[in-house]
N, C-alpha and C. Protein backbone atom coordinates (compact mmCIF):
# COMPACT_ATOMS: atom_id res chain seq x y z
N MET A 1 2.32 -11.14 -7.77
CA MET A 1 1.29 -10.57 -8.62
C MET A 1 -0.10 -10.83 -8.05
N ASN A 2 -0.24 -11.97 -7.36
CA ASN A 2 -1.52 -12.33 -6.78
C ASN A 2 -1.95 -11.32 -5.72
N TYR A 3 -1.00 -10.85 -4.89
CA TYR A 3 -1.33 -9.87 -3.86
C TYR A 3 -1.76 -8.55 -4.49
N TYR A 4 -1.09 -8.17 -5.57
CA TYR A 4 -1.43 -6.94 -6.27
C TYR A 4 -2.86 -7.02 -6.81
N LEU A 5 -3.16 -8.11 -7.49
CA LEU A 5 -4.50 -8.28 -8.05
C LEU A 5 -5.56 -8.34 -6.97
N ASP A 6 -5.23 -8.95 -5.84
CA ASP A 6 -6.17 -9.02 -4.72
C ASP A 6 -6.48 -7.61 -4.21
N CYS A 7 -5.46 -6.77 -4.09
CA CYS A 7 -5.68 -5.39 -3.65
C CYS A 7 -6.52 -4.60 -4.65
N ILE A 8 -6.30 -4.86 -5.93
CA ILE A 8 -7.02 -4.12 -6.97
C ILE A 8 -8.47 -4.62 -7.11
N LYS A 9 -8.67 -5.93 -7.08
CA LYS A 9 -9.99 -6.49 -7.35
C LYS A 9 -10.87 -6.58 -6.11
N SER A 10 -10.49 -7.37 -5.14
CA SER A 10 -11.41 -7.64 -4.03
C SER A 10 -11.28 -6.65 -2.87
N LYS A 11 -10.16 -5.93 -2.77
CA LYS A 11 -9.98 -4.98 -1.67
C LYS A 11 -9.73 -3.58 -2.21
N TYR A 12 -10.43 -3.22 -3.28
CA TYR A 12 -10.15 -1.96 -3.98
C TYR A 12 -10.19 -0.76 -3.05
N CYS A 13 -11.21 -0.65 -2.26
CA CYS A 13 -11.37 0.50 -1.36
C CYS A 13 -11.61 0.02 0.06
N CYS A 14 -10.88 -1.01 0.46
CA CYS A 14 -11.07 -1.63 1.78
C CYS A 14 -10.02 -1.09 2.75
N PHE A 15 -10.50 -0.42 3.78
CA PHE A 15 -9.61 0.12 4.80
C PHE A 15 -9.72 -0.64 6.11
N ALA A 16 -10.57 -1.64 6.17
CA ALA A 16 -10.76 -2.43 7.39
C ALA A 16 -9.90 -3.68 7.32
N GLY A 17 -9.51 -4.15 8.48
CA GLY A 17 -8.74 -5.38 8.54
C GLY A 17 -7.24 -5.13 8.61
N ARG A 18 -6.49 -6.17 8.31
CA ARG A 18 -5.04 -6.12 8.43
C ARG A 18 -4.38 -6.65 7.17
N ALA A 19 -3.18 -6.17 6.87
CA ALA A 19 -2.42 -6.62 5.70
C ALA A 19 -1.03 -7.04 6.15
N ARG A 20 -0.60 -8.20 5.69
CA ARG A 20 0.75 -8.68 5.99
C ARG A 20 1.78 -7.81 5.29
N ARG A 21 3.03 -7.92 5.75
CA ARG A 21 4.11 -7.20 5.07
C ARG A 21 4.21 -7.64 3.61
N LYS A 22 4.05 -8.93 3.38
CA LYS A 22 4.17 -9.46 2.03
C LYS A 22 3.13 -8.83 1.10
N GLU A 23 1.91 -8.71 1.56
CA GLU A 23 0.85 -8.10 0.74
C GLU A 23 1.21 -6.65 0.42
N TYR A 24 1.67 -5.91 1.40
CA TYR A 24 2.02 -4.50 1.20
C TYR A 24 3.18 -4.36 0.22
N TRP A 25 4.26 -5.10 0.45
CA TRP A 25 5.45 -4.94 -0.38
C TRP A 25 5.28 -5.49 -1.78
N MET A 26 4.49 -6.54 -1.95
CA MET A 26 4.23 -7.04 -3.30
C MET A 26 3.40 -6.03 -4.08
N PHE A 27 2.42 -5.41 -3.42
CA PHE A 27 1.64 -4.36 -4.07
C PHE A 27 2.56 -3.21 -4.47
N ALA A 28 3.44 -2.79 -3.56
CA ALA A 28 4.36 -1.68 -3.84
C ALA A 28 5.30 -2.03 -4.99
N LEU A 29 5.83 -3.24 -5.00
CA LEU A 29 6.77 -3.64 -6.05
C LEU A 29 6.11 -3.66 -7.43
N VAL A 30 4.96 -4.31 -7.54
CA VAL A 30 4.27 -4.38 -8.83
C VAL A 30 3.84 -2.99 -9.28
N ASN A 31 3.37 -2.19 -8.35
CA ASN A 31 2.97 -0.82 -8.66
C ASN A 31 4.17 -0.02 -9.18
N PHE A 32 5.34 -0.18 -8.57
CA PHE A 32 6.55 0.50 -9.00
C PHE A 32 6.96 0.08 -10.40
N VAL A 33 6.93 -1.21 -10.68
CA VAL A 33 7.32 -1.72 -12.01
C VAL A 33 6.36 -1.21 -13.09
N ILE A 34 5.07 -1.27 -12.80
CA ILE A 34 4.08 -0.78 -13.78
C ILE A 34 4.28 0.72 -14.03
N THR A 35 4.55 1.47 -12.97
CA THR A 35 4.78 2.91 -13.13
C THR A 35 6.01 3.19 -13.97
N LEU A 36 7.07 2.41 -13.77
CA LEU A 36 8.27 2.57 -14.60
C LEU A 36 7.98 2.28 -16.07
N ILE A 37 7.28 1.19 -16.32
CA ILE A 37 6.95 0.83 -17.70
C ILE A 37 6.07 1.90 -18.35
N LEU A 38 5.08 2.38 -17.62
CA LEU A 38 4.22 3.43 -18.16
C LEU A 38 5.00 4.72 -18.37
N GLY A 39 5.98 4.99 -17.52
CA GLY A 39 6.82 6.17 -17.69
C GLY A 39 7.60 6.13 -18.99
N VAL A 40 8.14 4.96 -19.31
CA VAL A 40 8.89 4.80 -20.57
C VAL A 40 7.95 4.98 -21.76
N ILE A 41 6.79 4.35 -21.69
CA ILE A 41 5.81 4.48 -22.78
C ILE A 41 5.38 5.94 -22.93
N ASP A 42 5.14 6.61 -21.77
CA ASP A 42 4.73 8.02 -21.83
C ASP A 42 5.80 8.89 -22.46
N GLN A 43 7.05 8.64 -22.17
CA GLN A 43 8.14 9.44 -22.74
C GLN A 43 8.18 9.29 -24.26
N MET A 44 7.88 8.09 -24.73
CA MET A 44 7.96 7.83 -26.17
C MET A 44 6.72 8.27 -26.92
N ALA A 45 5.56 8.23 -26.27
CA ALA A 45 4.35 8.38 -27.07
C ALA A 45 3.33 9.40 -26.55
N THR A 46 2.87 9.25 -25.31
CA THR A 46 1.62 9.92 -24.94
C THR A 46 1.76 11.22 -24.18
N GLY A 47 2.93 11.54 -23.66
CA GLY A 47 3.07 12.81 -22.97
C GLY A 47 2.66 12.79 -21.51
N GLY A 48 2.59 11.65 -20.87
CA GLY A 48 2.35 11.58 -19.44
C GLY A 48 0.96 11.18 -19.00
N ILE A 49 0.05 10.99 -19.91
CA ILE A 49 -1.33 10.72 -19.52
C ILE A 49 -1.51 9.32 -18.93
N LEU A 50 -0.75 8.34 -19.40
CA LEU A 50 -0.90 6.97 -18.89
C LEU A 50 -0.54 6.88 -17.41
N GLN A 51 0.56 7.51 -17.02
CA GLN A 51 0.95 7.49 -15.61
C GLN A 51 -0.08 8.19 -14.74
N LEU A 52 -0.64 9.27 -15.22
CA LEU A 52 -1.65 10.00 -14.47
C LEU A 52 -2.89 9.14 -14.26
N VAL A 53 -3.37 8.52 -15.31
CA VAL A 53 -4.57 7.67 -15.21
C VAL A 53 -4.30 6.48 -14.29
N TYR A 54 -3.15 5.84 -14.46
CA TYR A 54 -2.81 4.70 -13.60
C TYR A 54 -2.67 5.14 -12.13
N GLY A 55 -2.03 6.27 -11.91
CA GLY A 55 -1.87 6.78 -10.54
C GLY A 55 -3.20 7.03 -9.86
N LEU A 56 -4.14 7.59 -10.59
CA LEU A 56 -5.47 7.81 -10.03
C LEU A 56 -6.20 6.49 -9.79
N ALA A 57 -5.98 5.51 -10.66
CA ALA A 57 -6.66 4.21 -10.52
C ALA A 57 -6.16 3.44 -9.30
N VAL A 58 -4.90 3.59 -8.94
CA VAL A 58 -4.36 2.82 -7.81
C VAL A 58 -4.24 3.65 -6.53
N LEU A 59 -4.76 4.86 -6.54
CA LEU A 59 -4.70 5.70 -5.34
C LEU A 59 -5.43 5.07 -4.17
N LEU A 60 -6.69 4.71 -4.35
CA LEU A 60 -7.46 4.12 -3.26
C LEU A 60 -6.95 2.75 -2.83
N PRO A 61 -6.60 1.85 -3.76
CA PRO A 61 -6.03 0.57 -3.31
C PRO A 61 -4.70 0.77 -2.55
N GLY A 62 -3.91 1.73 -2.97
CA GLY A 62 -2.65 2.00 -2.28
C GLY A 62 -2.87 2.52 -0.87
N LEU A 63 -3.82 3.44 -0.74
CA LEU A 63 -4.15 3.93 0.59
C LEU A 63 -4.73 2.81 1.46
N GLY A 64 -5.57 1.98 0.85
CA GLY A 64 -6.19 0.89 1.59
C GLY A 64 -5.18 -0.11 2.12
N VAL A 65 -4.24 -0.54 1.28
CA VAL A 65 -3.25 -1.51 1.73
C VAL A 65 -2.31 -0.88 2.76
N SER A 66 -2.06 0.41 2.65
CA SER A 66 -1.22 1.10 3.64
C SER A 66 -1.92 1.18 4.99
N VAL A 67 -3.19 1.51 4.98
CA VAL A 67 -3.95 1.57 6.23
C VAL A 67 -4.04 0.17 6.86
N ARG A 68 -4.32 -0.84 6.05
CA ARG A 68 -4.39 -2.21 6.60
C ARG A 68 -3.03 -2.66 7.13
N ARG A 69 -1.94 -2.21 6.51
CA ARG A 69 -0.59 -2.55 7.00
C ARG A 69 -0.36 -1.91 8.37
N LEU A 70 -0.78 -0.65 8.53
CA LEU A 70 -0.66 0.01 9.83
C LEU A 70 -1.54 -0.68 10.86
N HIS A 71 -2.71 -1.13 10.47
CA HIS A 71 -3.58 -1.87 11.38
C HIS A 71 -2.90 -3.14 11.88
N ASP A 72 -2.10 -3.77 11.02
CA ASP A 72 -1.44 -5.02 11.39
C ASP A 72 -0.44 -4.82 12.52
N ILE A 73 0.14 -3.63 12.62
CA ILE A 73 1.08 -3.38 13.71
C ILE A 73 0.40 -2.67 14.88
N GLY A 74 -0.92 -2.53 14.81
CA GLY A 74 -1.68 -1.96 15.91
C GLY A 74 -1.80 -0.45 15.87
N LYS A 75 -1.55 0.17 14.74
CA LYS A 75 -1.65 1.62 14.60
C LYS A 75 -2.89 1.98 13.79
N SER A 76 -3.40 3.17 14.04
CA SER A 76 -4.53 3.67 13.28
C SER A 76 -4.07 4.10 11.89
N GLY A 77 -4.99 4.08 10.95
CA GLY A 77 -4.69 4.52 9.59
C GLY A 77 -4.36 6.01 9.52
N TRP A 78 -4.75 6.76 10.52
CA TRP A 78 -4.45 8.18 10.54
C TRP A 78 -2.94 8.45 10.62
N TRP A 79 -2.16 7.44 11.01
CA TRP A 79 -0.70 7.59 11.03
C TRP A 79 -0.15 7.86 9.63
N LEU A 80 -0.90 7.56 8.58
CA LEU A 80 -0.43 7.86 7.22
C LEU A 80 -0.21 9.36 7.01
N LEU A 81 -0.93 10.18 7.76
CA LEU A 81 -0.75 11.63 7.63
C LEU A 81 0.65 12.06 8.05
N LEU A 82 1.35 11.20 8.78
CA LEU A 82 2.73 11.49 9.16
C LEU A 82 3.61 11.67 7.92
N GLY A 83 3.23 11.05 6.82
CA GLY A 83 3.98 11.18 5.58
C GLY A 83 3.97 12.58 5.01
N LEU A 84 3.11 13.44 5.51
CA LEU A 84 3.06 14.83 5.04
C LEU A 84 4.20 15.67 5.60
N PHE A 85 4.85 15.19 6.67
CA PHE A 85 5.97 15.91 7.26
C PHE A 85 7.25 15.55 6.50
N PRO A 86 7.95 16.54 5.99
CA PRO A 86 9.14 16.24 5.17
C PRO A 86 10.19 15.44 5.94
N ILE A 87 10.84 14.57 5.26
CA ILE A 87 11.98 13.75 5.68
C ILE A 87 11.62 12.79 6.81
N VAL A 88 11.24 13.30 7.97
CA VAL A 88 11.01 12.46 9.14
C VAL A 88 9.77 11.58 8.97
N GLY A 89 8.69 12.14 8.46
CA GLY A 89 7.44 11.40 8.30
C GLY A 89 7.59 10.15 7.45
N PRO A 90 8.11 10.26 6.22
CA PRO A 90 8.28 9.06 5.39
C PRO A 90 9.23 8.03 6.01
N ILE A 91 10.25 8.48 6.72
CA ILE A 91 11.17 7.54 7.36
C ILE A 91 10.45 6.75 8.45
N VAL A 92 9.65 7.43 9.26
CA VAL A 92 8.89 6.75 10.32
C VAL A 92 7.90 5.77 9.70
N LEU A 93 7.22 6.17 8.63
CA LEU A 93 6.27 5.27 7.97
C LEU A 93 6.98 4.06 7.38
N LEU A 94 8.17 4.27 6.83
CA LEU A 94 8.94 3.14 6.31
C LEU A 94 9.28 2.14 7.42
N VAL A 95 9.65 2.64 8.56
CA VAL A 95 9.93 1.76 9.71
C VAL A 95 8.66 1.02 10.10
N PHE A 96 7.53 1.73 10.15
CA PHE A 96 6.27 1.09 10.53
C PHE A 96 5.89 -0.05 9.58
N VAL A 97 5.99 0.18 8.27
CA VAL A 97 5.56 -0.86 7.34
C VAL A 97 6.53 -2.03 7.30
N CYS A 98 7.74 -1.84 7.83
CA CYS A 98 8.71 -2.94 7.90
C CYS A 98 8.57 -3.78 9.16
N LEU A 99 7.86 -3.27 10.17
CA LEU A 99 7.69 -4.01 11.41
C LEU A 99 6.80 -5.23 11.22
N ASP A 100 7.06 -6.25 12.02
CA ASP A 100 6.21 -7.44 11.99
C ASP A 100 4.88 -7.12 12.65
N GLY A 101 3.82 -7.75 12.19
CA GLY A 101 2.50 -7.52 12.74
C GLY A 101 2.35 -8.06 14.15
N LYS A 102 1.38 -7.53 14.87
CA LYS A 102 1.10 -8.00 16.22
C LYS A 102 0.53 -9.41 16.15
N PRO A 103 1.05 -10.32 16.98
CA PRO A 103 0.51 -11.68 16.96
C PRO A 103 -0.91 -11.72 17.52
N GLY A 104 -1.67 -12.67 17.03
CA GLY A 104 -3.04 -12.84 17.50
C GLY A 104 -3.96 -11.76 16.97
N THR A 105 -5.13 -11.69 17.55
CA THR A 105 -6.14 -10.73 17.13
C THR A 105 -5.90 -9.40 17.83
N ASN A 106 -6.02 -8.31 17.10
CA ASN A 106 -5.99 -6.99 17.72
C ASN A 106 -7.31 -6.30 17.43
N GLU A 107 -7.40 -5.01 17.74
CA GLU A 107 -8.67 -4.30 17.57
C GLU A 107 -9.12 -4.18 16.11
N TYR A 108 -8.21 -4.47 15.17
CA TYR A 108 -8.52 -4.35 13.75
C TYR A 108 -8.85 -5.68 13.09
N GLY A 109 -8.75 -6.76 13.83
CA GLY A 109 -9.12 -8.06 13.27
C GLY A 109 -8.10 -9.13 13.58
N PRO A 110 -8.33 -10.32 13.03
CA PRO A 110 -7.42 -11.44 13.28
C PRO A 110 -6.11 -11.26 12.51
N ASN A 111 -5.09 -11.95 12.97
CA ASN A 111 -3.79 -11.90 12.32
C ASN A 111 -3.89 -12.52 10.93
N PRO A 112 -3.47 -11.81 9.89
CA PRO A 112 -3.57 -12.36 8.52
C PRO A 112 -2.64 -13.54 8.28
N LYS A 113 -1.64 -13.72 9.15
CA LYS A 113 -0.75 -14.86 9.01
C LYS A 113 -1.41 -16.14 9.53
N GLY A 114 -2.49 -15.97 10.25
CA GLY A 114 -3.20 -17.12 10.79
C GLY A 114 -2.63 -17.60 12.11
N ALA A 115 -1.65 -16.88 12.65
CA ALA A 115 -1.03 -17.30 13.91
C ALA A 115 -1.59 -16.53 15.07
């Protein structure tokens, strides 16, 4: 939960630097759970507005953590556009976000693991 809050509060629209796998996946997990809960509430009460508002609120933090995750493996954030290609693009991006980050400092900053 701490990684999620960090992405929302202090790195809301931050595309610079690097993000560990743990930061990316914890953000994705908490985001998924919140979306599921809001989906259930929307089905019972509001007609879908809660998920829409939440989705817009986490759009920039989600893009930011994704770009920083790509930076950690030495790729540009523009690689996110690969997700626009059906089937192959999302699979390649999934492989990228699962890769371990480059050790030491790269062109995007120091290693977030501290190694």
